Protein backbone atom coordinates (compact mmCIF):
# COMPACT_ATOMS: atom_id res chain seq x y z
CA MET A 1 211.18 -0.88 228.52
CA ALA A 2 213.68 1.87 227.69
CA GLU A 3 212.00 2.42 224.30
CA ASN A 4 208.63 2.76 226.00
CA ARG A 5 210.04 5.28 228.47
CA THR A 6 211.38 7.33 225.57
CA ARG A 7 207.99 7.35 223.92
CA THR A 8 206.40 8.47 227.21
CA VAL A 9 208.86 11.35 227.60
CA ARG A 10 208.24 12.41 224.01
CA ALA A 11 204.46 12.32 224.55
CA ARG A 12 204.78 14.42 227.70
CA SER A 13 206.98 16.90 225.82
CA THR A 14 204.43 17.17 223.00
CA ARG A 15 201.60 17.82 225.47
CA THR A 16 203.68 20.50 227.16
CA THR A 17 204.35 22.21 223.82
CA VAL A 18 200.66 22.16 222.94
CA ARG A 19 199.73 23.60 226.32
CA ALA A 20 202.33 26.36 225.93
CA ALA A 21 201.04 27.21 222.44
CA THR A 22 197.47 27.27 223.72
CA ALA A 23 198.41 29.58 226.57
CA THR A 24 200.27 31.87 224.18
CA ALA A 25 197.24 32.03 221.86
CA ALA A 26 194.94 32.78 224.80
CA ALA A 27 197.21 35.58 225.96
CA ALA A 28 197.26 37.02 222.44
CA ALA A 29 193.46 36.87 222.29
CA THR A 30 193.20 38.63 225.66
CA LEU A 31 195.58 41.33 224.44
CA ALA A 32 193.54 41.73 221.23
CA LEU A 33 190.37 42.23 223.26
CA ALA A 34 192.09 44.91 225.28
CA LEU A 35 192.97 46.89 222.16
CA PRO A 36 190.54 49.45 220.67
CA ALA A 37 187.77 47.87 218.59
CA HIS A 38 188.31 50.20 215.64
CA ALA A 39 191.02 48.98 213.35
CA ALA A 40 191.01 51.97 211.00
CA PRO A 41 193.21 54.96 211.92
CA PHE A 42 191.49 58.07 213.27
CA ASP A 43 191.64 60.65 210.50
CA PRO A 44 189.30 63.57 211.35
CA ALA A 45 188.25 66.05 208.68
CA PRO A 46 185.60 68.79 208.46
CA GLY A 47 182.08 67.70 207.57
CA ALA A 48 180.72 69.03 204.29
CA ASP A 49 178.85 72.36 204.36
CA GLY A 50 176.09 70.90 202.16
CA VAL A 51 174.56 67.57 201.18
CA GLY A 52 174.90 68.18 197.45
CA ASP A 53 171.21 68.67 196.72
CA PRO A 54 170.70 69.05 192.93
CA LEU A 55 168.72 72.28 193.40
CA PHE A 56 170.43 73.65 196.53
CA PRO A 57 173.91 72.09 196.87
CA THR A 58 174.84 73.79 200.15
CA LEU A 59 171.60 73.13 202.03
CA GLY A 60 172.04 70.76 204.94
CA ASN A 61 175.40 69.45 206.10
CA GLY A 62 177.46 66.29 205.79
CA GLY A 63 179.41 64.10 208.19
CA TYR A 64 176.65 63.24 210.66
CA ASP A 65 173.06 62.10 211.04
CA VAL A 66 170.74 63.80 213.53
CA ARG A 67 168.69 61.36 215.61
CA HIS A 68 166.81 63.76 217.92
CA TYR A 69 166.24 67.50 218.39
CA ASP A 70 165.22 68.89 221.78
CA LEU A 71 164.26 72.57 221.48
CA SER A 72 163.60 74.90 224.41
CA PHE A 73 162.26 78.24 223.18
CA ASP A 74 161.28 81.13 225.46
CA PHE A 75 159.31 83.78 223.56
CA THR A 76 158.20 87.25 224.61
CA PRO A 77 155.12 88.38 222.65
CA VAL A 78 154.92 91.85 221.10
CA THR A 79 158.68 92.51 221.47
CA TYR A 80 159.51 89.22 219.69
CA ASP A 81 162.61 88.65 221.82
CA PHE A 82 163.48 85.00 222.39
CA THR A 83 166.09 82.76 223.97
CA GLY A 84 166.66 79.18 222.95
CA THR A 85 168.51 76.00 223.80
CA MET A 86 168.84 73.31 221.17
CA LYS A 87 170.07 69.87 222.26
CA ILE A 88 170.97 67.54 219.42
CA LYS A 89 171.66 63.82 219.51
CA ALA A 90 173.57 62.78 216.40
CA ARG A 91 175.79 60.07 214.98
CA ALA A 92 178.97 60.74 213.02
CA THR A 93 179.17 59.29 209.51
CA GLN A 94 182.90 60.06 209.21
CA ASP A 95 185.77 61.03 211.48
CA LEU A 96 184.99 64.70 212.19
CA SER A 97 187.30 67.54 213.12
CA SER A 98 184.37 69.98 212.79
CA PHE A 99 180.80 69.99 211.55
CA ASN A 100 178.23 72.53 210.38
CA LEU A 101 174.69 73.49 211.31
CA ASP A 102 172.36 75.89 209.52
CA VAL A 103 171.41 79.16 211.23
CA ASP A 104 170.07 82.53 210.12
CA SER A 105 170.27 85.64 212.29
CA LEU A 106 170.65 83.75 215.56
CA ALA A 107 173.14 85.05 218.16
CA ILE A 108 175.02 82.02 219.51
CA ASP A 109 175.93 82.25 223.20
CA ALA A 110 177.63 78.93 223.91
CA ILE A 111 178.13 75.47 222.40
CA LYS A 112 179.08 72.19 224.07
CA VAL A 113 179.87 68.91 222.35
CA ASN A 114 179.71 65.86 224.59
CA GLY A 115 179.61 68.20 227.58
CA LYS A 116 182.81 70.06 226.67
CA LYS A 117 183.05 73.63 225.42
CA ALA A 118 183.41 73.92 221.67
CA THR A 119 184.49 76.82 219.49
CA TRP A 120 182.43 78.09 216.57
CA ALA A 121 182.29 80.51 213.67
CA ILE A 122 179.40 81.84 211.58
CA GLY A 123 179.89 82.46 207.88
CA PRO A 124 177.78 82.96 204.76
CA GLY A 125 175.64 80.17 203.31
CA GLN A 126 173.54 79.75 200.19
CA SER A 127 170.38 80.01 202.25
CA GLY A 128 171.01 81.73 205.57
CA GLN A 129 174.32 81.17 207.34
CA GLU A 130 176.70 78.33 208.12
CA LEU A 131 177.58 77.65 211.76
CA THR A 132 180.86 75.72 211.96
CA VAL A 133 181.37 73.91 215.26
CA THR A 134 184.81 72.65 216.30
CA PRO A 135 184.69 70.23 219.26
CA ALA A 136 187.46 70.11 221.86
CA GLY A 137 188.43 66.75 220.37
CA GLY A 138 187.59 65.02 217.12
CA LEU A 139 184.50 62.83 216.72
CA ARG A 140 184.88 59.25 215.54
CA ASP A 141 182.96 57.74 212.65
CA HIS A 142 179.84 55.75 213.68
CA ARG A 143 179.96 57.16 217.22
CA ALA A 144 177.04 59.00 218.83
CA PHE A 145 177.62 62.53 220.08
CA ASP A 146 175.61 65.27 221.80
CA VAL A 147 175.51 68.97 221.02
CA GLU A 148 174.01 71.72 223.21
CA LEU A 149 173.67 75.22 221.80
CA THR A 150 172.31 78.25 223.66
CA TYR A 151 171.34 81.32 221.66
CA HIS A 152 169.06 84.36 221.53
CA GLY A 153 167.55 86.71 219.01
CA ASN A 154 164.54 88.71 217.90
CA GLY A 155 161.91 87.38 215.55
CA LYS A 156 161.69 90.64 213.63
CA THR A 157 165.40 90.76 212.79
CA LYS A 158 165.77 90.79 209.01
CA PRO A 159 167.24 87.41 208.09
CA VAL A 160 170.08 86.89 205.64
CA SER A 161 167.72 84.82 203.46
CA GLN A 162 163.92 84.56 203.49
CA PRO A 163 161.94 84.84 206.78
CA GLY A 164 160.41 81.82 208.47
CA TRP A 165 158.44 83.94 210.95
CA ARG A 166 154.82 84.97 210.37
CA TYR A 167 153.67 87.82 212.59
CA MET A 168 150.20 88.01 214.12
CA SER A 169 148.44 91.25 215.06
CA ASP A 170 148.07 89.97 218.63
CA GLY A 171 151.88 90.08 219.00
CA GLY A 172 152.40 86.36 218.49
CA PHE A 173 153.88 84.30 215.66
CA ALA A 174 153.61 81.09 213.68
CA SER A 175 156.42 79.33 211.84
CA ALA A 176 156.32 78.69 208.10
CA ALA A 177 159.72 77.07 207.63
CA GLN A 178 159.47 75.41 204.22
CA ALA A 179 161.78 74.97 202.40
CA SER A 180 164.83 76.03 204.45
CA ARG A 181 163.68 78.50 207.10
CA ALA A 182 163.75 76.35 210.23
CA ASP A 183 167.18 77.87 210.81
CA THR A 184 165.57 81.23 211.69
CA PHE A 185 164.24 79.56 214.85
CA ALA A 186 167.03 77.17 215.86
CA PRO A 187 170.31 75.61 214.64
CA VAL A 188 169.41 72.56 212.52
CA ASN A 189 170.64 70.34 209.71
CA ASP A 190 168.18 71.93 207.32
CA HIS A 191 167.61 69.38 204.57
CA PRO A 192 164.72 66.89 204.17
CA SER A 193 167.15 63.95 203.91
CA ASP A 194 168.03 64.23 207.62
CA LYS A 195 164.86 63.44 209.55
CA ALA A 196 164.80 63.12 213.33
CA THR A 197 162.42 62.85 216.25
CA TRP A 198 161.68 66.06 218.19
CA SER A 199 160.83 67.42 221.62
CA PHE A 200 159.66 70.99 222.20
CA HIS A 201 159.53 73.07 225.39
CA LEU A 202 157.87 76.39 224.52
CA THR A 203 157.72 79.05 227.21
CA ALA A 204 155.38 82.05 227.06
CA PRO A 205 153.63 84.45 229.47
CA ASP A 206 150.40 83.36 231.11
CA GLY A 207 147.49 83.97 228.75
CA TRP A 208 149.46 82.99 225.66
CA THR A 209 149.17 79.51 224.13
CA PRO A 210 152.05 77.74 222.33
CA GLY A 211 151.58 75.11 219.65
CA ALA A 212 154.01 72.60 218.16
CA ASN A 213 154.23 69.43 216.11
CA GLY A 214 153.30 66.22 217.92
CA ASN A 215 151.50 65.70 221.20
CA LEU A 216 151.18 68.14 224.07
CA THR A 217 152.56 66.12 227.00
CA GLY A 218 152.12 68.67 229.79
CA THR A 219 152.55 72.19 231.10
CA ARG A 220 154.56 73.56 234.02
CA ASP A 221 155.14 76.88 235.71
CA ALA A 222 158.19 78.91 234.69
CA ALA A 223 159.84 82.04 236.03
CA ASP A 224 158.45 85.56 235.51
CA ALA A 225 154.78 84.53 235.43
CA LYS A 226 155.37 82.30 232.45
CA LYS A 227 154.42 78.73 231.63
CA THR A 228 156.29 76.04 229.69
CA TRP A 229 154.38 73.75 227.33
CA ASP A 230 156.01 70.41 226.49
CA PHE A 231 155.47 68.54 223.22
CA SER A 232 156.74 65.24 221.83
CA LEU A 233 156.95 64.09 218.21
CA LYS A 234 158.00 60.43 218.13
CA SER A 235 157.90 60.03 214.34
CA PRO A 236 160.89 61.44 212.42
CA MET A 237 160.42 64.88 210.85
CA ALA A 238 162.45 67.02 208.45
CA PRO A 239 163.26 70.49 209.85
CA GLU A 240 161.32 72.22 207.04
CA LEU A 241 158.09 70.85 208.57
CA LEU A 242 158.67 72.64 211.88
CA GLY A 243 155.37 74.04 213.19
CA ILE A 244 155.76 76.11 216.35
CA SER A 245 153.71 79.13 217.42
CA VAL A 246 152.73 81.37 220.33
CA ASN A 247 149.43 83.22 219.95
CA LYS A 248 146.18 84.14 221.64
CA GLN A 249 144.78 80.81 220.50
CA THR A 250 142.71 77.92 221.84
CA TYR A 251 142.91 74.14 221.51
CA LEU A 252 139.93 72.20 220.17
CA TYR A 253 139.97 68.42 220.57
CA GLY A 254 138.36 65.46 218.90
CA ARG A 255 138.88 61.90 217.69
CA GLY A 256 139.49 60.67 214.16
CA PRO A 257 139.19 57.18 212.69
CA HIS A 258 140.48 54.32 214.90
CA GLY A 259 141.17 56.77 217.72
CA VAL A 260 143.57 59.22 216.04
CA LYS A 261 143.89 62.18 218.39
CA LEU A 262 142.74 65.41 216.81
CA ARG A 263 143.83 68.74 218.23
CA HIS A 264 143.34 72.04 216.47
CA LEU A 265 144.44 75.59 217.18
CA VAL A 266 142.16 78.53 216.38
CA PRO A 267 142.07 82.20 217.49
CA GLU A 268 140.60 82.23 220.99
CA ASP A 269 137.98 84.83 220.04
CA GLN A 270 136.90 82.99 216.85
CA GLN A 271 135.99 79.54 218.13
CA ALA A 272 132.39 79.74 216.93
CA LYS A 273 133.56 80.41 213.38
CA TYR A 274 136.26 77.78 213.12
CA LYS A 275 135.08 74.94 215.36
CA PRO A 276 132.71 73.50 212.68
CA ILE A 277 135.47 73.75 210.09
CA ALA A 278 138.03 72.02 212.30
CA GLU A 279 135.53 69.25 213.02
CA GLU A 280 135.44 68.36 209.32
CA THR A 281 138.97 66.98 209.66
CA GLY A 282 137.88 63.59 211.01
CA GLY A 283 135.78 62.91 207.92
CA GLN A 284 138.60 64.03 205.64
CA LEU A 285 140.98 61.65 207.42
CA ALA A 286 138.57 58.76 207.00
CA TRP A 287 138.11 59.58 203.31
CA LEU A 288 141.85 59.66 202.62
CA GLU A 289 142.48 56.44 204.53
CA LYS A 290 139.84 54.71 202.41
CA THR A 291 141.06 56.28 199.16
CA LEU A 292 144.73 55.50 199.78
CA GLY A 293 144.17 52.16 201.49
CA VAL A 294 146.71 53.21 204.12
CA ARG A 295 146.15 54.38 207.68
CA TYR A 296 147.14 57.87 208.72
CA PRO A 297 150.89 57.60 209.48
CA PHE A 298 151.01 59.57 212.76
CA ASP A 299 149.21 59.41 216.10
CA THR A 300 147.81 62.95 216.06
CA TYR A 301 146.66 65.56 213.54
CA GLY A 302 145.12 68.97 213.51
CA VAL A 303 144.68 72.25 211.68
CA GLN A 304 146.07 75.55 212.90
CA ILE A 305 144.09 78.53 211.68
CA VAL A 306 145.70 81.86 212.47
CA ARG A 307 143.88 85.18 212.78
CA ASP A 308 146.09 87.07 210.28
CA GLY A 309 149.69 87.50 209.19
CA TYR A 310 149.67 84.43 206.96
CA SER A 311 147.78 83.88 203.71
CA ASP A 312 148.97 80.48 202.48
CA ALA A 313 148.51 76.86 203.56
CA LEU A 314 151.34 74.61 204.70
CA GLU A 315 151.64 70.95 205.74
CA ASN A 316 153.60 71.30 208.98
CA GLN A 317 153.87 67.70 210.21
CA THR A 318 150.79 66.69 212.26
CA LEU A 319 149.60 70.36 212.41
CA SER A 320 148.81 71.97 209.05
CA LEU A 321 148.89 75.77 208.98
CA PHE A 322 146.19 77.86 207.27
CA GLY A 323 145.69 81.55 206.69
CA PRO A 324 142.11 82.72 207.34
CA SER A 325 141.39 83.76 203.74
CA TRP A 326 141.08 80.12 202.64
CA PHE A 327 137.85 79.75 204.57
CA ASP A 328 136.11 82.54 202.70
CA LYS A 329 135.93 80.16 199.72
CA PRO A 330 133.18 77.52 199.42
CA THR A 331 135.78 75.00 198.26
CA TYR A 332 138.05 75.42 201.31
CA SER A 333 137.85 71.70 202.11
CA THR A 334 139.85 70.95 198.93
CA THR A 335 142.78 72.88 200.40
CA MET A 336 142.36 71.07 203.72
CA VAL A 337 142.53 67.72 201.91
CA HIS A 338 145.59 68.89 199.96
CA GLU A 339 147.54 69.62 203.16
CA LEU A 340 146.25 66.47 204.85
CA THR A 341 147.44 64.36 201.90
CA HIS A 342 150.92 65.74 202.52
CA GLN A 343 151.01 63.94 205.86
CA TRP A 344 151.43 60.76 203.79
CA PHE A 345 153.23 62.24 200.79
CA GLY A 346 156.03 64.51 201.96
CA ASP A 347 155.85 64.19 205.74
CA SER A 348 155.89 60.40 206.21
CA VAL A 349 157.46 59.57 202.84
CA THR A 350 159.89 62.45 202.39
CA PRO A 351 161.89 63.21 199.24
CA ALA A 352 165.60 62.52 199.42
CA THR A 353 166.32 65.76 197.54
CA TRP A 354 164.35 68.87 196.60
CA GLN A 355 164.58 67.71 192.98
CA ASP A 356 162.07 65.03 194.01
CA ALA A 357 159.53 67.54 195.35
CA TRP A 358 156.94 66.48 192.76
CA MET A 359 156.42 63.40 194.96
CA ASN A 360 155.05 65.75 197.64
CA GLU A 361 152.96 68.10 195.56
CA GLY A 362 151.74 65.83 192.77
CA PRO A 363 149.80 63.46 195.04
CA ALA A 364 148.48 66.38 197.15
CA VAL A 365 147.05 68.09 194.04
CA TYR A 366 145.83 64.79 192.57
CA TYR A 367 143.92 63.53 195.62
CA ALA A 368 142.53 67.00 196.35
CA ALA A 369 141.22 66.93 192.74
CA VAL A 370 139.62 63.54 193.37
CA TRP A 371 137.97 65.02 196.47
CA ALA A 372 136.78 68.08 194.54
CA ASP A 373 135.36 65.83 191.82
CA GLN A 374 133.43 63.72 194.32
CA LYS A 375 132.13 66.82 196.10
CA GLY A 376 130.93 68.34 192.83
CA PHE A 377 133.34 71.29 192.88
CA GLN A 378 135.12 70.46 189.60
CA PRO A 379 135.35 67.31 187.44
CA ILE A 380 138.85 65.87 187.67
CA GLU A 381 139.03 65.34 183.93
CA GLU A 382 138.37 69.03 183.35
CA LYS A 383 141.13 70.04 185.76
CA MET A 384 143.64 67.60 184.28
CA LYS A 385 142.86 68.58 180.69
CA THR A 386 143.48 72.24 181.48
CA ALA A 387 146.70 71.44 183.33
CA TYR A 388 147.90 69.15 180.52
CA ALA A 389 147.49 71.95 178.00
CA LYS A 390 149.55 74.34 180.13
CA LEU A 391 152.24 71.88 181.19
CA ASP A 392 153.90 71.51 177.78
CA ALA A 393 155.20 75.09 177.78
CA VAL A 394 156.12 74.98 181.47
CA ARG A 395 158.32 71.92 180.90
CA LYS A 396 160.53 74.04 178.66
CA THR A 397 160.80 77.08 180.95
CA ASP A 398 160.78 75.56 184.47
CA GLY A 399 161.77 71.98 183.76
CA PRO A 400 159.66 68.81 183.69
CA PRO A 401 157.96 67.59 186.90
CA GLY A 402 160.82 65.24 187.84
CA LYS A 403 163.59 67.76 187.13
CA PRO A 404 162.41 71.26 188.11
CA THR A 405 164.75 74.21 188.00
CA GLY A 406 163.23 75.57 191.24
CA LEU A 407 160.52 75.02 193.82
CA GLY A 408 156.95 76.27 193.87
CA GLY A 409 156.23 76.00 190.16
CA PHE A 410 153.25 74.67 188.21
CA ASN A 411 155.39 71.74 187.03
CA ILE A 412 155.75 70.10 190.45
CA TYR A 413 152.15 70.83 191.48
CA ASP A 414 149.55 70.46 188.72
CA GLY A 415 152.12 69.08 186.28
CA ALA A 416 153.01 66.26 188.64
CA ALA A 417 149.31 65.58 189.28
CA VAL A 418 148.77 65.30 185.51
CA SER A 419 151.61 62.74 185.41
CA LEU A 420 149.88 60.67 188.10
CA TYR A 421 146.59 60.98 186.24
CA ALA A 422 148.36 59.70 183.11
CA LEU A 423 149.73 56.74 185.09
CA ASN A 424 146.20 55.95 186.27
CA GLN A 425 144.92 56.10 182.69
CA GLN A 426 147.76 53.84 181.54
CA ILE A 427 147.60 51.05 184.13
CA GLY A 428 144.01 51.35 185.39
CA GLN A 429 142.53 52.33 188.74
CA GLU A 430 143.16 49.02 190.51
CA GLN A 431 146.85 48.87 189.71
CA PHE A 432 147.25 52.61 190.33
CA GLU A 433 145.87 52.17 193.85
CA ALA A 434 148.25 49.23 194.40
CA VAL A 435 151.25 51.31 193.28
CA MET A 436 150.44 54.20 195.60
CA LYS A 437 149.63 51.94 198.55
CA SER A 438 152.87 50.03 198.13
CA TRP A 439 154.83 53.29 197.90
CA LEU A 440 153.46 54.57 201.19
CA GLY A 441 154.12 51.31 202.99
CA LYS A 442 157.59 50.70 201.60
CA HIS A 443 158.97 54.14 202.50
CA ARG A 444 156.92 54.97 205.62
CA HIS A 445 158.81 57.48 207.81
CA GLY A 446 161.76 57.42 205.42
CA ASN A 447 163.25 59.17 202.41
CA ALA A 448 162.94 58.18 198.77
CA THR A 449 163.79 59.35 195.26
CA THR A 450 162.00 59.61 191.94
CA GLN A 451 163.84 56.51 190.73
CA ASP A 452 162.53 54.68 193.81
CA PHE A 453 158.99 55.66 192.76
CA ILE A 454 159.53 54.42 189.22
CA ALA A 455 161.07 51.15 190.44
CA ASN A 456 158.13 50.58 192.79
CA ALA A 457 155.62 51.13 189.97
CA VAL A 458 157.44 48.60 187.78
CA GLU A 459 157.63 46.08 190.62
CA VAL A 460 153.95 46.36 191.56
CA THR A 461 152.65 46.19 188.00
CA GLY A 462 155.20 43.64 186.83
CA ASP A 463 155.52 45.67 183.65
CA ALA A 464 158.90 47.17 182.67
CA SER A 465 157.22 49.48 180.15
CA VAL A 466 155.71 51.40 183.08
CA GLY A 467 159.23 52.59 183.90
CA THR A 468 159.70 53.95 180.40
CA PHE A 469 156.24 55.55 180.55
CA LEU A 470 157.01 57.36 183.82
CA ASN A 471 160.44 58.47 182.67
CA HIS A 472 158.83 60.20 179.69
CA TRP A 473 156.18 61.89 181.83
CA LEU A 474 158.56 63.00 184.54
CA PHE A 475 161.61 64.01 182.49
CA ASP A 476 160.66 64.88 178.90
CA LEU A 477 160.63 68.49 177.73
CA ASP A 478 157.46 67.81 175.71
CA ASN A 479 154.16 66.41 176.90
CA PRO A 480 153.74 62.72 176.05
CA PRO A 481 150.32 61.78 174.63
CA MET A 482 147.65 61.36 177.32
CA PRO A 483 146.41 57.74 177.42
CA GLY A 484 142.71 57.53 176.67
CA HIS A 485 142.55 61.15 175.51
CA PRO A 486 144.08 61.40 172.02
CA ASP A 487 142.22 64.69 171.52
CA TRP A 488 144.03 66.50 174.34
CA GLY A 489 146.41 69.10 172.99
CA VAL A 490 148.76 71.74 174.34
CA ALA A 491 147.98 75.38 174.82
CA LYS A 492 148.68 77.53 171.77
């Protein structure tokens, strides 16, 4: 009996020890839960003043990712005075002691970060100016933060770099921000690699009509006999595709394939001239959807035709901008298709760096050439043969299509289109269509590189030699032979 009692005492003692250990572990777990979730020490440092773009190293800024821009812009026609408030929702990608935004000739009035006053300084940048913002406290890696900047300026102030403003004779304006001029309108992270959704609140006097990317969601009265027009763009957009305006202009509405909302802006006194042209857009949308095998990537589209002050054409996201001189040409629809193609190539699938700009312009030139061929304007083979002959010399002066030394050259436009034409000749129409369709689906509303394009082509075709083929066409300093056209030569 005594032995049994001893065993019982020992058993009770063991259970007590286990219970005590369990309680200790539970207390430790509770204490651990009470501690901060981040294990790494907080080590804030300034964000980089550029993203390291191969062509423009100091464009954009590092240390954070913008998720949403909310721009309020109050414009006075004729005088070109404006006030603005930019609200930015972002997420830190490192511990930040300060971060930069891109501006050019904007007078900053106040900045708040997470509702607290911040200090700032403006210094020189490669394109425009660098705005360095120092929050009251550091910002932790992976944490969301809000920035509110109020500012003012005048649209006719000479910028440090190139202007983004285009002036109309009626006293209004339109923005042409590509490639890095969005910062003449508002503080932004001005590089295509940082896409975000947008809201716009454009205020102008009664009788003046604002336009912006995305959908018009409503209007409301504002002070001083003005009205505010609200717009929403729910698909991410790079700042260089900013398309805002205030002019004596009128909206024209329609419907595209499967209900895509069409809204166009034309001079209010020239509706009879431009309404039939704007109405061609629905057919062009349908043609591109069929040709690409991919639906239009946004929920609205339109053309903005200005009265004067602008002579080019530009693919502002969901609202392409055109100078009036384009429509004096019988082949104007080719240019319309070019800018519309950019909504897929460049606006939805956006290059990760400006070195990859051929991925924007090559498809736009190529599919516009297909359109022109089908409309009887110019045979595509004739256009490509001429471009092929010229490209060989351009490769040596301006760089090959995949490695240009600058933007806006023949190499990334017609030269890149010739490279796509060569790919079509090499792999055949059916596989070419599959490659382009896969590309648009895989990178929809994202960013991608030239190497991503090459890898996709290899994956879709199942042929590793396609990668070698594209590397030659995109990076060699001499024209490779054109498949199917051994007689094609270079210009002498």
